[in-house]
Amino acid sequence: MKTTVIWLVLISLTVLSLLFNNISSIRMVVMGLFSIKFIIVAFYFMGIREAHMFWKVFTIILISIISSIIVFI
């Protein structure tokens, strides 16, 4: 049941990304949706949730850096 809810959240975030993708001035919103999707996939499907705290913090910092670089370039 939990996996189904996560899949539905990921699908709805993907649809929102597609809707906002046509508006170029909302690049931060699209990257925010991408970041949320990345964190959900990493924590629930890649097992980062059970990993050491270092990997949890590293994953969040990594996605923050990547998103910031893409948005501000």
Protein backbone atom coordinates (compact mmCIF):
# COMPACT_ATOMS: atom_id res chain seq x y z
CA MET A 1 0.00 0.00 0.00
CA LYS A 2 2.79 2.42 0.92
CA THR A 3 4.61 1.73 -2.35
CA THR A 4 1.43 2.45 -4.30
CA VAL A 5 1.01 5.81 -2.58
CA ILE A 6 4.63 6.69 -3.31
CA TRP A 7 4.19 5.75 -6.97
CA LEU A 8 1.07 7.92 -7.20
CA VAL A 9 2.95 10.85 -5.65
CA LEU A 10 5.80 10.39 -8.13
CA ILE A 11 3.38 10.25 -11.07
CA SER A 12 1.56 13.38 -9.92
CA LEU A 13 4.87 15.24 -9.47
CA THR A 14 5.87 14.17 -12.98
CA VAL A 15 2.60 15.50 -14.41
CA LEU A 16 3.10 18.79 -12.56
CA SER A 17 6.64 19.01 -13.95
CA LEU A 18 5.30 18.54 -17.46
CA LEU A 19 2.68 21.24 -16.95
CA PHE A 20 5.18 23.75 -15.55
CA ASN A 21 7.87 22.84 -18.11
CA ASN A 22 6.21 24.93 -20.83
CA ILE A 23 6.62 28.11 -18.76
CA SER A 24 10.32 28.98 -18.86
CA SER A 25 10.18 31.52 -16.03
CA ILE A 26 9.23 28.85 -13.50
CA ARG A 27 12.47 26.89 -13.73
CA MET A 28 12.84 26.93 -9.94
CA VAL A 29 9.47 25.21 -9.51
CA VAL A 30 10.41 22.47 -11.97
CA MET A 31 13.75 21.94 -10.23
CA GLY A 32 11.99 21.87 -6.87
CA LEU A 33 9.66 19.14 -8.13
CA PHE A 34 12.68 17.27 -9.53
CA SER A 35 14.43 17.52 -6.17
CA ILE A 36 11.40 16.17 -4.31
CA LYS A 37 11.13 13.27 -6.76
CA PHE A 38 14.85 12.52 -6.42
CA ILE A 39 14.67 12.47 -2.62
CA ILE A 40 11.60 10.22 -2.63
CA VAL A 41 13.24 7.74 -5.00
CA ALA A 42 16.55 7.82 -3.13
CA PHE A 43 15.06 7.38 0.32
CA TYR A 44 12.32 4.86 -0.44
CA PHE A 45 13.53 2.83 -3.40
CA MET A 46 17.34 3.02 -3.07
CA GLY A 47 17.40 2.34 0.67
CA ILE A 48 18.98 5.60 1.84
CA ARG A 49 16.32 5.67 4.57
CA GLU A 50 18.11 2.83 6.40
CA ALA A 51 21.63 4.06 5.60
CA HIS A 52 24.03 5.91 7.88
CA MET A 53 23.23 9.56 8.61
CA PHE A 54 26.22 10.62 6.47
CA TRP A 55 24.56 9.25 3.33
CA LYS A 56 21.24 10.91 4.10
CA VAL A 57 22.87 14.31 4.55
CA PHE A 58 25.16 13.76 1.55
CA THR A 59 22.18 12.93 -0.69
CA ILE A 60 20.28 16.04 0.32
CA ILE A 61 23.34 18.28 -0.06
CA LEU A 62 24.13 16.74 -3.46
CA ILE A 63 20.66 17.34 -4.86
CA SER A 64 20.68 20.88 -3.44
CA ILE A 65 23.95 21.68 -5.18
CA ILE A 66 22.88 20.15 -8.49
CA SER A 67 19.52 21.95 -8.45
CA SER A 68 21.13 25.28 -7.54
CA ILE A 69 23.67 24.99 -10.36
CA ILE A 70 20.98 24.18 -12.93
CA VAL A 71 18.62 26.95 -11.76
CA PHE A 72 21.18 29.73 -11.58
CA ILE A 73 23.08 29.00 -14.79
